[in-house]
């Protein structure tokens, strides 16, 4: 039979081992909790990928619309510039006619 001292020594070693196991158990619990959080986050990834793909598609559509609008703007500017040129020519012609008309009136007076 073991002596009381050796039993006490064994008891002390077992208490230390129990404390270490409790620490490890607490760590395992924390890791399981973290793992559950990561699983939740990982479950959201496919949905986020779908949303990202949808946003990228919308972005591509918007780029196309912007390009179309810019092209329309350029065409509209060309039309306005052509109309402005015609109007400038007409104004010059009218001013010239106005000068001729004034000259005729001045001669008549």
PDB file of N, CA and C in Angstrom:
ATOM      1  N   UNK A   1       0.832  -1.178   0.000  1.00  0.00           N
ATOM      2  CA  UNK A   1       0.000   0.000   0.000  1.00  0.00           C
ATOM      3  C   UNK A   1       0.877   1.241   0.000  1.00  0.00           C
ATOM      4  N   UNK A   2       0.356   2.233  -0.731  1.00  0.00           N
ATOM      5  CA  UNK A   2       1.163   3.447  -0.844  1.00  0.00           C
ATOM      6  C   UNK A   2       1.071   4.249   0.442  1.00  0.00           C
ATOM      7  N   UNK A   3       2.085   4.978   0.662  1.00  0.00           N
ATOM      8  CA  UNK A   3       2.085   5.795   1.858  1.00  0.00           C
ATOM      9  C   UNK A   3       1.255   7.044   1.636  1.00  0.00           C
ATOM     10  N   UNK A   4       0.875   7.667   2.685  1.00  0.00           N
ATOM     11  CA  UNK A   4       0.045   8.873   2.621  1.00  0.00           C
ATOM     12  C   UNK A   4       0.776   9.968   1.863  1.00  0.00           C
ATOM     13  N   UNK A   5       2.065  10.084   2.063  1.00  0.00           N
ATOM     14  CA  UNK A   5       2.840  11.117   1.365  1.00  0.00           C
ATOM     15  C   UNK A   5       2.822  10.891  -0.144  1.00  0.00           C
ATOM     16  N   UNK A   6       2.960   9.644  -0.556  1.00  0.00           N
ATOM     17  CA  UNK A   6       2.959   9.369  -1.989  1.00  0.00           C
ATOM     18  C   UNK A   6       1.562   9.603  -2.578  1.00  0.00           C
ATOM     19  N   UNK A   7       0.522   9.331  -1.783  1.00  0.00           N
ATOM     20  CA  UNK A   7      -0.849   9.610  -2.247  1.00  0.00           C
ATOM     21  C   UNK A   7      -1.098  11.116  -2.362  1.00  0.00           C
ATOM     22  N   UNK A   8      -0.576  11.854  -1.425  1.00  0.00           N
ATOM     23  CA  UNK A   8      -0.711  13.319  -1.470  1.00  0.00           C
ATOM     24  C   UNK A   8       0.018  13.882  -2.691  1.00  0.00           C
ATOM     25  N   UNK A   9       1.203  13.323  -2.928  1.00  0.00           N
ATOM     26  CA  UNK A   9       1.985  13.756  -4.093  1.00  0.00           C
ATOM     27  C   UNK A   9       1.239  13.431  -5.384  1.00  0.00           C
ATOM     28  N   UNK A  10       0.670  12.245  -5.437  1.00  0.00           N
ATOM     29  CA  UNK A  10      -0.115  11.845  -6.611  1.00  0.00           C
ATOM     30  C   UNK A  10      -1.343  12.739  -6.757  1.00  0.00           C
ATOM     31  N   UNK A  11      -1.985  13.054  -5.653  1.00  0.00           N
ATOM     32  CA  UNK A  11      -3.166  13.931  -5.651  1.00  0.00           C
ATOM     33  C   UNK A  11      -2.795  15.322  -6.168  1.00  0.00           C
ATOM     34  N   UNK A  12      -1.659  15.824  -5.734  1.00  0.00           N
ATOM     35  CA  UNK A  12      -1.210  17.147  -6.173  1.00  0.00           C
ATOM     36  C   UNK A  12      -0.949  17.140  -7.678  1.00  0.00           C
ATOM     37  N   UNK A  13      -0.300  16.072  -8.163  1.00  0.00           N
ATOM     38  CA  UNK A  13      -0.045  15.960  -9.602  1.00  0.00           C
ATOM     39  C   UNK A  13      -1.351  15.890 -10.385  1.00  0.00           C
ATOM     40  N   UNK A  14      -2.299  15.134  -9.849  1.00  0.00           N
ATOM     41  CA  UNK A  14      -3.603  15.006 -10.521  1.00  0.00           C
ATOM     42  C   UNK A  14      -4.351  16.337 -10.531  1.00  0.00           C
ATOM     43  N   UNK A  15      -4.246  17.097  -9.446  1.00  0.00           N
ATOM     44  CA  UNK A  15      -4.906  18.419  -9.384  1.00  0.00           C
ATOM     45  C   UNK A  15      -4.297  19.364 -10.432  1.00  0.00           C
ATOM     46  N   UNK A  16      -2.990  19.312 -10.608  1.00  0.00           N
ATOM     47  CA  UNK A  16      -2.305  20.127 -11.623  1.00  0.00           C
ATOM     48  C   UNK A  16      -2.778  19.699 -13.004  1.00  0.00           C
ATOM     49  N   UNK A  17      -2.836  18.373 -13.208  1.00  0.00           N
ATOM     50  CA  UNK A  17      -3.272  17.851 -14.498  1.00  0.00           C
ATOM     51  C   UNK A  17      -4.729  18.235 -14.785  1.00  0.00           C
ATOM     52  N   UNK A  18      -5.559  18.191 -13.756  1.00  0.00           N
ATOM     53  CA  UNK A  18      -6.977  18.592 -13.908  1.00  0.00           C
ATOM     54  C   UNK A  18      -7.068  20.063 -14.286  1.00  0.00           C
ATOM     55  N   UNK A  19      -6.266  20.905 -13.650  1.00  0.00           N
ATOM     56  CA  UNK A  19      -6.266  22.343 -13.957  1.00  0.00           C
ATOM     57  C   UNK A  19      -5.840  22.582 -15.399  1.00  0.00           C
ATOM     58  N   UNK A  20      -4.811  21.855 -15.849  1.00  0.00           N
ATOM     59  CA  UNK A  20      -4.360  21.984 -17.235  1.00  0.00           C
ATOM     60  C   UNK A  20      -5.437  21.523 -18.208  1.00  0.00           C
ATOM     61  N   UNK A  21      -6.095  20.436 -17.889  1.00  0.00           N
ATOM     62  CA  UNK A  21      -7.173  19.937 -18.743  1.00  0.00           C
ATOM     63  C   UNK A  21      -8.348  20.922 -18.795  1.00  0.00           C
ATOM     64  N   UNK A  22      -8.630  21.558 -17.696  1.00  0.00           N
ATOM     65  CA  UNK A  22      -9.702  22.573 -17.677  1.00  0.00           C
ATOM     66  C   UNK A  22      -9.341  23.764 -18.577  1.00  0.00           C
ATOM     67  N   UNK A  23      -8.062  24.163 -18.521  1.00  0.00           N
ATOM     68  CA  UNK A  23      -7.604  25.256 -19.395  1.00  0.00           C
ATOM     69  C   UNK A  23      -7.750  24.837 -20.859  1.00  0.00           C
ATOM     70  N   UNK A  24      -7.319  23.602 -21.167  1.00  0.00           N
ATOM     71  CA  UNK A  24      -7.433  23.107 -22.540  1.00  0.00           C
ATOM     72  C   UNK A  24      -8.901  23.020 -22.961  1.00  0.00           C
ATOM     73  N   UNK A  25      -9.752  22.595 -22.041  1.00  0.00           N
ATOM     74  CA  UNK A  25     -11.181  22.487 -22.335  1.00  0.00           C
ATOM     75  C   UNK A  25     -11.775  23.868 -22.628  1.00  0.00           C
ATOM     76  N   UNK A  26     -11.353  24.865 -21.836  1.00  0.00           N
ATOM     77  CA  UNK A  26     -11.831  26.232 -22.068  1.00  0.00           C
ATOM     78  C   UNK A  26     -11.361  26.732 -23.439  1.00  0.00           C
ATOM     79  N   UNK A  27     -10.119  26.407 -23.790  1.00  0.00           N
ATOM     80  CA  UNK A  27      -9.573  26.803 -25.095  1.00  0.00           C
ATOM     81  C   UNK A  27     -10.353  26.121 -26.214  1.00  0.00           C
ATOM     82  N   UNK A  28     -10.653  24.829 -26.036  1.00  0.00           N
ATOM     83  CA  UNK A  28     -11.440  24.096 -27.039  1.00  0.00           C
ATOM     84  C   UNK A  28     -12.812  24.740 -27.206  1.00  0.00           C
ATOM     85  N   UNK A  29     -13.428  25.143 -26.111  1.00  0.00           N
ATOM     86  CA  UNK A  29     -14.743  25.798 -26.170  1.00  0.00           C
ATOM     87  C   UNK A  29     -14.654  27.097 -26.973  1.00  0.00           C
ATOM     88  N   UNK A  30     -13.607  27.884 -26.725  1.00  0.00           N
ATOM     89  CA  UNK A  30     -13.412  29.139 -27.464  1.00  0.00           C
ATOM     90  C   UNK A  30     -13.211  28.871 -28.950  1.00  0.00           C
ATOM     91  N   UNK A  31     -12.420  27.854 -29.265  1.00  0.00           N
ATOM     92  CA  UNK A  31     -12.168  27.511 -30.665  1.00  0.00           C
ATOM     93  C   UNK A  31     -13.447  27.037 -31.360  1.00  0.00           C
ATOM     94  N   UNK A  32     -14.269  26.266 -30.644  1.00  0.00           N
ATOM     95  CA  UNK A  32     -15.550  25.833 -31.217  1.00  0.00           C
ATOM     96  C   UNK A  32     -16.455  27.031 -31.473  1.00  0.00           C
ATOM     97  N   UNK A  33     -16.435  27.981 -30.563  1.00  0.00           N
ATOM     98  CA  UNK A  33     -17.235  29.195 -30.734  1.00  0.00           C
ATOM     99  C   UNK A  33     -16.751  29.981 -31.955  1.00  0.00           C
ATOM    100  N   UNK A  34     -15.436  30.144 -32.083  1.00  0.00           N
ATOM    101  CA  UNK A  34     -14.851  30.817 -33.248  1.00  0.00           C
ATOM    102  C   UNK A  34     -15.206  30.079 -34.539  1.00  0.00           C
ATOM    103  N   UNK A  35     -15.114  28.767 -34.500  1.00  0.00           N
ATOM    104  CA  UNK A  35     -15.423  27.947 -35.665  1.00  0.00           C
ATOM    105  C   UNK A  35     -16.878  28.162 -36.096  1.00  0.00           C
ATOM    106  N   UNK A  36     -17.777  28.246 -35.150  1.00  0.00           N
ATOM    107  CA  UNK A  36     -19.193  28.490 -35.470  1.00  0.00           C
ATOM    108  C   UNK A  36     -19.367  29.849 -36.133  1.00  0.00           C
ATOM    109  N   UNK A  37     -18.635  30.854 -35.629  1.00  0.00           N
ATOM    110  CA  UNK A  37     -18.711  32.193 -36.235  1.00  0.00           C
ATOM    111  C   UNK A  37     -18.194  32.162 -37.679  1.00  0.00           C
ATOM    112  N   UNK A  38     -17.102  31.452 -37.894  1.00  0.00           N
ATOM    113  CA  UNK A  38     -16.559  31.345 -39.253  1.00  0.00           C
ATOM    114  C   UNK A  38     -17.517  30.605 -40.175  1.00  0.00           C
ATOM    115  N   UNK A  39     -18.174  29.576 -39.654  1.00  0.00           N
ATOM    116  CA  UNK A  39     -19.153  28.851 -40.463  1.00  0.00           C
ATOM    117  C   UNK A  39     -20.286  29.785 -40.886  1.00  0.00           C
ATOM    118  N   UNK A  40     -20.735  30.643 -39.960  1.00  0.00           N
ATOM    119  CA  UNK A  40     -21.786  31.619 -40.298  1.00  0.00           C
ATOM    120  C   UNK A  40     -21.311  32.564 -41.395  1.00  0.00           C
ATOM    121  N   UNK A  41     -20.073  33.028 -41.247  1.00  0.00           N
ATOM    122  CA  UNK A  41     -19.529  33.940 -42.253  1.00  0.00           C
ATOM    123  C   UNK A  41     -19.363  33.234 -43.597  1.00  0.00           C
ATOM    124  N   UNK A  42     -18.888  32.001 -43.565  1.00  0.00           N
ATOM    125  CA  UNK A  42     -18.704  31.232 -44.797  1.00  0.00           C
ATOM    126  C   UNK A  42     -20.029  30.961 -45.486  1.00  0.00           C
ATOM    127  N   UNK A  43     -21.083  30.814 -44.710  1.00  0.00           N
ATOM    128  CA  UNK A  43     -22.397  30.577 -45.298  1.00  0.00           C
ATOM    129  C   UNK A  43     -22.873  31.799 -46.091  1.00  0.00           C
ATOM    130  N   UNK A  44     -22.379  32.968 -45.723  1.00  0.00           N
ATOM    131  CA  UNK A  44     -22.787  34.202 -46.403  1.00  0.00           C
ATOM    132  C   UNK A  44     -22.019  34.438 -47.699  1.00  0.00           C
ATOM    133  N   UNK A  45     -20.912  33.761 -47.886  1.00  0.00           N
ATOM    134  CA  UNK A  45     -20.051  33.998 -49.052  1.00  0.00           C
ATOM    135  C   UNK A  45     -20.774  33.777 -50.380  1.00  0.00           C
ATOM    136  N   UNK A  46     -21.507  32.681 -50.576  1.00  0.00           N
ATOM    137  CA  UNK A  46     -22.193  32.512 -51.874  1.00  0.00           C
ATOM    138  C   UNK A  46     -23.177  33.643 -52.170  1.00  0.00           C
ATOM    139  N   UNK A  47     -23.885  34.102 -51.139  1.00  0.00           N
ATOM    140  CA  UNK A  47     -24.823  35.206 -51.335  1.00  0.00           C
ATOM    141  C   UNK A  47     -24.076  36.480 -51.705  1.00  0.00           C
ATOM    142  N   UNK A  48     -22.947  36.720 -51.043  1.00  0.00           N
ATOM    143  CA  UNK A  48     -22.145  37.898 -51.362  1.00  0.00           C
ATOM    144  C   UNK A  48     -21.588  37.817 -52.778  1.00  0.00           C
ATOM    145  N   UNK A  49     -21.205  36.609 -53.206  1.00  0.00           N
ATOM    146  CA  UNK A  49     -20.703  36.434 -54.577  1.00  0.00           C
ATOM    147  C   UNK A  49     -21.799  36.758 -55.589  1.00  0.00           C
ATOM    148  N   UNK A  50     -23.031  36.280 -55.302  1.00  0.00           N
ATOM    149  CA  UNK A  50     -24.150  36.581 -56.212  1.00  0.00           C
ATOM    150  C   UNK A  50     -24.399  38.089 -56.286  1.00  0.00           C
ATOM    151  N   UNK A  51     -24.374  38.726 -55.134  1.00  0.00           N
ATOM    152  CA  UNK A  51     -24.581  40.175 -55.100  1.00  0.00           C
ATOM    153  C   UNK A  51     -23.475  40.888 -55.870  1.00  0.00           C
ATOM    154  N   UNK A  52     -22.244  40.438 -55.705  1.00  0.00           N
ATOM    155  CA  UNK A  52     -21.116  41.047 -56.395  1.00  0.00           C
ATOM    156  C   UNK A  52     -21.271  40.898 -57.907  1.00  0.00           C
ATOM    157  N   UNK A  53     -21.661  39.699 -58.356  1.00  0.00           N
ATOM    158  CA  UNK A  53     -21.854  39.460 -59.789  1.00  0.00           C
ATOM    159  C   UNK A  53     -22.964  40.364 -60.323  1.00  0.00           C
ATOM    160  N   UNK A  54     -24.041  40.510 -59.555  1.00  0.00           N
ATOM    161  CA  UNK A  54     -25.152  41.376 -59.974  1.00  0.00           C
ATOM    162  C   UNK A  54     -24.692  42.833 -60.079  1.00  0.00           C
ATOM    163  N   UNK A  55     -23.934  43.274 -59.100  1.00  0.00           N
ATOM    164  CA  UNK A  55     -23.436  44.651 -59.109  1.00  0.00           C
ATOM    165  C   UNK A  55     -22.493  44.877 -60.289  1.00  0.00           C
ATOM    166  N   UNK A  56     -21.639  43.898 -60.571  1.00  0.00           N
ATOM    167  CA  UNK A  56     -20.724  44.016 -61.709  1.00  0.00           C
ATOM    168  C   UNK A  56     -21.498  44.086 -63.021  1.00  0.00           C
ATOM    169  N   UNK A  57     -22.584  43.309 -63.124  1.00  0.00           N
ATOM    170  CA  UNK A  57     -23.408  43.344 -64.337  1.00  0.00           C
ATOM    171  C   UNK A  57     -24.069  44.717 -64.481  1.00  0.00           C
ATOM    172  N   UNK A  58     -24.594  45.242 -63.382  1.00  0.00           N
ATOM    173  CA  UNK A  58     -25.199  46.577 -63.410  1.00  0.00           C
ATOM    174  C   UNK A  58     -24.162  47.630 -63.780  1.00  0.00           C
ATOM    175  N   UNK A  59     -22.954  47.466 -63.254  1.00  0.00           N
ATOM    176  CA  UNK A  59     -21.864  48.406 -63.552  1.00  0.00           C
ATOM    177  C   UNK A  59     -21.548  48.388 -65.050  1.00  0.00           C
ATOM    178  N   UNK A  60     -21.511  47.189 -65.622  1.00  0.00           N
ATOM    179  CA  UNK A  60     -21.242  47.067 -67.060  1.00  0.00           C
ATOM    180  C   UNK A  60     -22.351  47.728 -67.877  1.00  0.00           C
ATOM    181  N   UNK A  61     -23.611  47.525 -67.451  1.00  0.00           N
ATOM    182  CA  UNK A  61     -24.739  48.165 -68.137  1.00  0.00           C
ATOM    183  C   UNK A  61     -24.631  49.690 -68.059  1.00  0.00           C
ATOM    184  N   UNK A  62     -24.253  50.177 -66.890  1.00  0.00           N
ATOM    185  CA  UNK A  62     -24.116  51.630 -66.719  1.00  0.00           C
ATOM    186  C   UNK A  62     -22.996  52.183 -67.592  1.00  0.00           C
ATOM    187  N   UNK A  63     -21.900  51.444 -67.709  1.00  0.00           N
ATOM    188  CA  UNK A  63     -20.809  51.889 -68.583  1.00  0.00           C
ATOM    189  C   UNK A  63     -21.289  51.994 -70.026  1.00  0.00           C
ATOM    190  N   UNK A  64     -22.089  51.016 -70.449  1.00  0.00           N
ATOM    191  CA  UNK A  64     -22.627  51.040 -71.812  1.00  0.00           C
ATOM    192  C   UNK A  64     -23.547  52.244 -71.987  1.00  0.00           C
ATOM    193  N   UNK A  65     -24.414  52.491 -71.005  1.00  0.00           N
ATOM    194  CA  UNK A  65     -25.325  53.635 -71.089  1.00  0.00           C
ATOM    195  C   UNK A  65     -24.546  54.950 -71.128  1.00  0.00           C
ATOM    196  N   UNK A  66     -23.511  55.037 -70.309  1.00  0.00           N
ATOM    197  CA  UNK A  66     -22.690  56.258 -70.294  1.00  0.00           C
ATOM    198  C   UNK A  66     -22.050  56.477 -71.661  1.00  0.00           C
ATOM    199  N   UNK A  67     -21.522  55.397 -72.246  1.00  0.00           N
ATOM    200  CA  UNK A  67     -20.897  55.508 -73.570  1.00  0.00           C
ATOM    201  C   UNK A  67     -21.924  55.964 -74.606  1.00  0.00           C
ATOM    202  N   UNK A  68     -23.145  55.412 -74.528  1.00  0.00           N
ATOM    203  CA  UNK A  68     -24.203  55.811 -75.459  1.00  0.00           C
ATOM    204  C   UNK A  68     -24.571  57.280 -75.271  1.00  0.00           C
ATOM    205  N   UNK A  69     -24.685  57.695 -74.010  1.00  0.00           N
ATOM    206  CA  UNK A  69     -25.033  59.091 -73.730  1.00  0.00           C
ATOM    207  C   UNK A  69     -23.928  60.043 -74.202  1.00  0.00           C
ATOM    208  N   UNK A  70     -22.682  59.649 -74.002  1.00  0.00           N
ATOM    209  CA  UNK A  70     -21.580  60.478 -74.481  1.00  0.00           C
ATOM    210  C   UNK A  70     -21.620  60.597 -76.006  1.00  0.00           C
ATOM    211  N   UNK A  71     -21.905  59.485 -76.670  1.00  0.00           N
ATOM    212  CA  UNK A  71     -21.996  59.493 -78.132  1.00  0.00           C
ATOM    213  C   UNK A  71     -23.136  60.405 -78.572  1.00  0.00           C
ATOM    214  N   UNK A  72     -24.291  60.300 -77.869  1.00  0.00           N
ATOM    215  CA  UNK A  72     -25.423  61.174 -78.191  1.00  0.00           C
ATOM    216  C   UNK A  72     -25.052  62.639 -77.970  1.00  0.00           C
ATOM    217  N   UNK A  73     -24.313  62.892 -76.894  1.00  0.00           N
ATOM    218  CA  UNK A  73     -23.884  64.260 -76.601  1.00  0.00           C
ATOM    219  C   UNK A  73     -22.986  64.804 -77.698  1.00  0.00           C
ATOM    220  N   UNK A  74     -22.077  63.970 -78.180  1.00  0.00           N
ATOM    221  CA  UNK A  74     -21.183  64.389 -79.262  1.00  0.00           C
ATOM    222  C   UNK A  74     -21.998  64.694 -80.515  1.00  0.00           C
ATOM    223  N   UNK A  75     -22.949  63.810 -80.840  1.00  0.00           N
ATOM    224  CA  UNK A  75     -23.792  64.024 -82.020  1.00  0.00           C
ATOM    225  C   UNK A  75     -24.619  65.302 -81.874  1.00  0.00           C
ATOM    226  N   UNK A  76     -25.152  65.509 -80.690  1.00  0.00           N
ATOM    227  CA  UNK A  76     -25.958  66.720 -80.442  1.00  0.00           C
ATOM    228  C   UNK A  76     -25.088  67.972 -80.575  1.00  0.00           C
ATOM    229  N   UNK A  77     -23.858  67.892 -80.063  1.00  0.00           N
ATOM    230  CA  UNK A  77     -22.933  69.027 -80.195  1.00  0.00           C
ATOM    231  C   UNK A  77     -22.629  69.311 -81.662  1.00  0.00           C
ATOM    232  N   UNK A  78     -22.449  68.259 -82.459  1.00  0.00           N
ATOM    233  CA  UNK A  78     -22.187  68.450 -83.889  1.00  0.00           C
ATOM    234  C   UNK A  78     -23.371  69.152 -84.553  1.00  0.00           C
ATOM    235  N   UNK A  79     -24.589  68.695 -84.214  1.00  0.00           N
ATOM    236  CA  UNK A  79     -25.798  69.313 -84.787  1.00  0.00           C
ATOM    237  C   UNK A  79     -25.892  70.783 -84.388  1.00  0.00           C
ATOM    238  N   UNK A  80     -25.641  71.039 -83.100  1.00  0.00           N
ATOM    239  CA  UNK A  80     -25.713  72.433 -82.618  1.00  0.00           C
ATOM    240  C   UNK A  80     -24.645  73.293 -83.287  1.00  0.00           C
ATOM    241  N   UNK A  81     -23.440  72.744 -83.425  1.00  0.00           N
ATOM    242  CA  UNK A  81     -22.367  73.498 -84.081  1.00  0.00           C
ATOM    243  C   UNK A  81     -22.718  73.788 -85.535  1.00  0.00           C
ATOM    244  N   UNK A  82     -23.308  72.803 -86.221  1.00  0.00           N
ATOM    245  CA  UNK A  82     -23.702  73.017 -87.619  1.00  0.00           C
ATOM    246  C   UNK A  82     -24.791  74.083 -87.695  1.00  0.00           C
ATOM    247  N   UNK A  83     -25.761  74.002 -86.781  1.00  0.00           N
ATOM    248  CA  UNK A  83     -26.839  74.996 -86.775  1.00  0.00           C
ATOM    249  C   UNK A  83     -26.283  76.378 -86.439  1.00  0.00           C
ATOM    250  N   UNK A  84     -25.363  76.456 -85.494  1.00  0.00           N
ATOM    251  CA  UNK A  84     -24.747  77.736 -85.143  1.00  0.00           C
ATOM    252  C   UNK A  84     -24.001  78.332 -86.337  1.00  0.00           C
ATOM    253  N   UNK A  85     -23.307  77.473 -87.061  1.00  0.00           N
ATOM    254  CA  UNK A  85     -22.582  77.944 -88.250  1.00  0.00           C
ATOM    255  C   UNK A  85     -23.560  78.511 -89.273  1.00  0.00           C
ATOM    256  N   UNK A  86     -24.661  77.790 -89.518  1.00  0.00           N
ATOM    257  CA  UNK A  86     -25.683  78.280 -90.464  1.00  0.00           C
ATOM    258  C   UNK A  86     -26.250  79.613 -89.996  1.00  0.00           C
ATOM    259  N   UNK A  87     -26.531  79.708 -88.693  1.00  0.00           N
ATOM    260  CA  UNK A  87     -27.101  80.947 -88.160  1.00  0.00           C
ATOM    261  C   UNK A  87     -26.099  82.101 -88.246  1.00  0.00           C
ATOM    262  N   UNK A  88     -24.831  81.829 -88.020  1.00  0.00           N
ATOM    263  CA  UNK A  88     -23.812  82.879 -88.141  1.00  0.00           C
ATOM    264  C   UNK A  88     -23.746  83.393 -89.578  1.00  0.00           C
ATOM    265  N   UNK A  89     -23.795  82.443 -90.522  1.00  0.00           N
ATOM    266  CA  UNK A  89     -23.780  82.843 -91.942  1.00  0.00           C
ATOM    267  C   UNK A  89     -25.006  83.684 -92.258  1.00  0.00           C
ATOM    268  N   UNK A  90     -26.162  83.263 -91.737  1.00  0.00           N
ATOM    269  CA  UNK A  90     -27.409  84.008 -91.985  1.00  0.00           C
ATOM    270  C   UNK A  90     -27.327  85.399 -91.368  1.00  0.00           C
ATOM    271  N   UNK A  91     -26.774  85.484 -90.158  1.00  0.00           N
ATOM    272  CA  UNK A  91     -26.629  86.794 -89.497  1.00  0.00           C
ATOM    273  C   UNK A  91     -25.716  87.695 -90.321  1.00  0.00           C
ATOM    274  N   UNK A  92     -24.582  87.132 -90.768  1.00  0.00           N
ATOM    275  CA  UNK A  92     -23.667  87.926 -91.592  1.00  0.00           C
ATOM    276  C   UNK A  92     -24.365  88.423 -92.855  1.00  0.00           C
ATOM    277  N   UNK A  93     -25.163  87.571 -93.467  1.00  0.00           N
ATOM    278  CA  UNK A  93     -25.888  87.942 -94.679  1.00  0.00           C
ATOM    279  C   UNK A  93     -26.905  89.047 -94.370  1.00  0.00           C
ATOM    280  N   UNK A  94     -27.637  88.873 -93.259  1.00  0.00           N
ATOM    281  CA  UNK A  94     -28.629  89.883 -92.877  1.00  0.00           C
ATOM    282  C   UNK A  94     -27.951  91.205 -92.523  1.00  0.00           C
ATOM    283  N   UNK A  95     -26.820  91.147 -91.848  1.00  0.00           N
ATOM    284  CA  UNK A  95     -26.100  92.377 -91.515  1.00  0.00           C
ATOM    285  C   UNK A  95     -25.627  93.066 -92.794  1.00  0.00           C
ATOM    286  N   UNK A  96     -25.157  92.243 -93.729  1.00  0.00           N
ATOM    287  CA  UNK A  96     -24.722  92.802 -95.011  1.00  0.00           C
ATOM    288  C   UNK A  96     -25.898  93.455 -95.737  1.00  0.00           C
ATOM    289  N   UNK A  97     -27.035  92.755 -95.760  1.00  0.00           N
ATOM    290  CA  UNK A  97     -28.234  93.321 -96.392  1.00  0.00           C
ATOM    291  C   UNK A  97     -28.683  94.571 -95.672  1.00  0.00           C
ATOM    292  N   UNK A  98     -28.547  94.573 -94.339  1.00  0.00           N
ATOM    293  CA  UNK A  98     -28.938  95.735 -93.547  1.00  0.00           C
ATOM    294  C   UNK A  98     -28.075  96.934 -93.905  1.00  0.00           C
ATOM    295  N   UNK A  99     -26.779  96.669 -94.077  1.00  0.00           N
ATOM    296  CA  UNK A  99     -25.870  97.762 -94.461  1.00  0.00           C
ATOM    297  C   UNK A  99     -26.258  98.288 -95.838  1.00  0.00           C
ATOM    298  N   UNK A 100     -26.521  97.403 -96.783  1.00  0.00           N
ATOM    299  CA  UNK A 100     -26.936  97.814 -98.126  1.00  0.00           C
ATOM    300  C   UNK A 100     -28.237  98.610 -98.069  1.00  0.00           C
ATOM    301  N   UNK A 101     -29.187  98.148 -97.246  1.00  0.00           N
ATOM    302  CA  UNK A 101     -30.472  98.828 -97.117  1.00  0.00           C
ATOM    303  C   UNK A 101     -30.275 100.221 -96.532  1.00  0.00           C
ATOM    304  N   UNK A 102     -29.408 100.350 -95.518  1.00  0.00           N
ATOM    305  CA  UNK A 102     -29.142 101.657 -94.929  1.00  0.00           C
ATOM    306  C   UNK A 102     -28.485 102.588 -95.940  1.00  0.00           C
ATOM    307  N   UNK A 103     -27.575 102.012 -96.724  1.00  0.00           N
ATOM    308  CA  UNK A 103     -26.919 102.812 -97.749  1.00  0.00           C
ATOM    309  C   UNK A 103     -27.957 103.334 -98.761  1.00  0.00           C
ATOM    310  N   UNK A 104     -28.905 102.520 -99.166  1.00  0.00           N
ATOM    311  CA  UNK A 104     -29.950 102.932-100.105  1.00  0.00           C
ATOM    312  C   UNK A 104     -30.816 104.018 -99.484  1.00  0.00           C
ATOM    313  N   UNK A 105     -31.175 103.830 -98.193  1.00  0.00           N
ATOM    314  CA  UNK A 105     -32.024 104.828 -97.507  1.00  0.00           C
ATOM    315  C   UNK A 105     -31.269 106.139 -97.409  1.00  0.00           C
ATOM    316  N   UNK A 106     -29.975 106.058 -97.085  1.00  0.00           N
ATOM    317  CA  UNK A 106     -29.180 107.279 -96.950  1.00  0.00           C
ATOM    318  C   UNK A 106     -29.117 107.992 -98.297  1.00  0.00           C
ATOM    319  N   UNK A 107     -29.020 107.303 -99.391  1.00  0.00           N
ATOM    320  CA  UNK A 107     -28.956 107.909-100.717  1.00  0.00           C
ATOM    321  C   UNK A 107     -30.285 108.557-101.066  1.00  0.00           C
ATOM    322  N   UNK A 108     -31.389 107.924-100.669  1.00  0.00           N
ATOM    323  CA  UNK A 108     -32.718 108.425-100.983  1.00  0.00           C
ATOM    324  C   UNK A 108     -32.990 109.707-100.205  1.00  0.00           C
ATOM    325  N   UNK A 109     -32.534 109.779 -99.009  1.00  0.00           N
ATOM    326  CA  UNK A 109     -32.795 110.945 -98.160  1.00  0.00           C
ATOM    327  C   UNK A 109     -32.013 112.089 -98.699  1.00  0.00           C
TER     328      UNK A 109
END
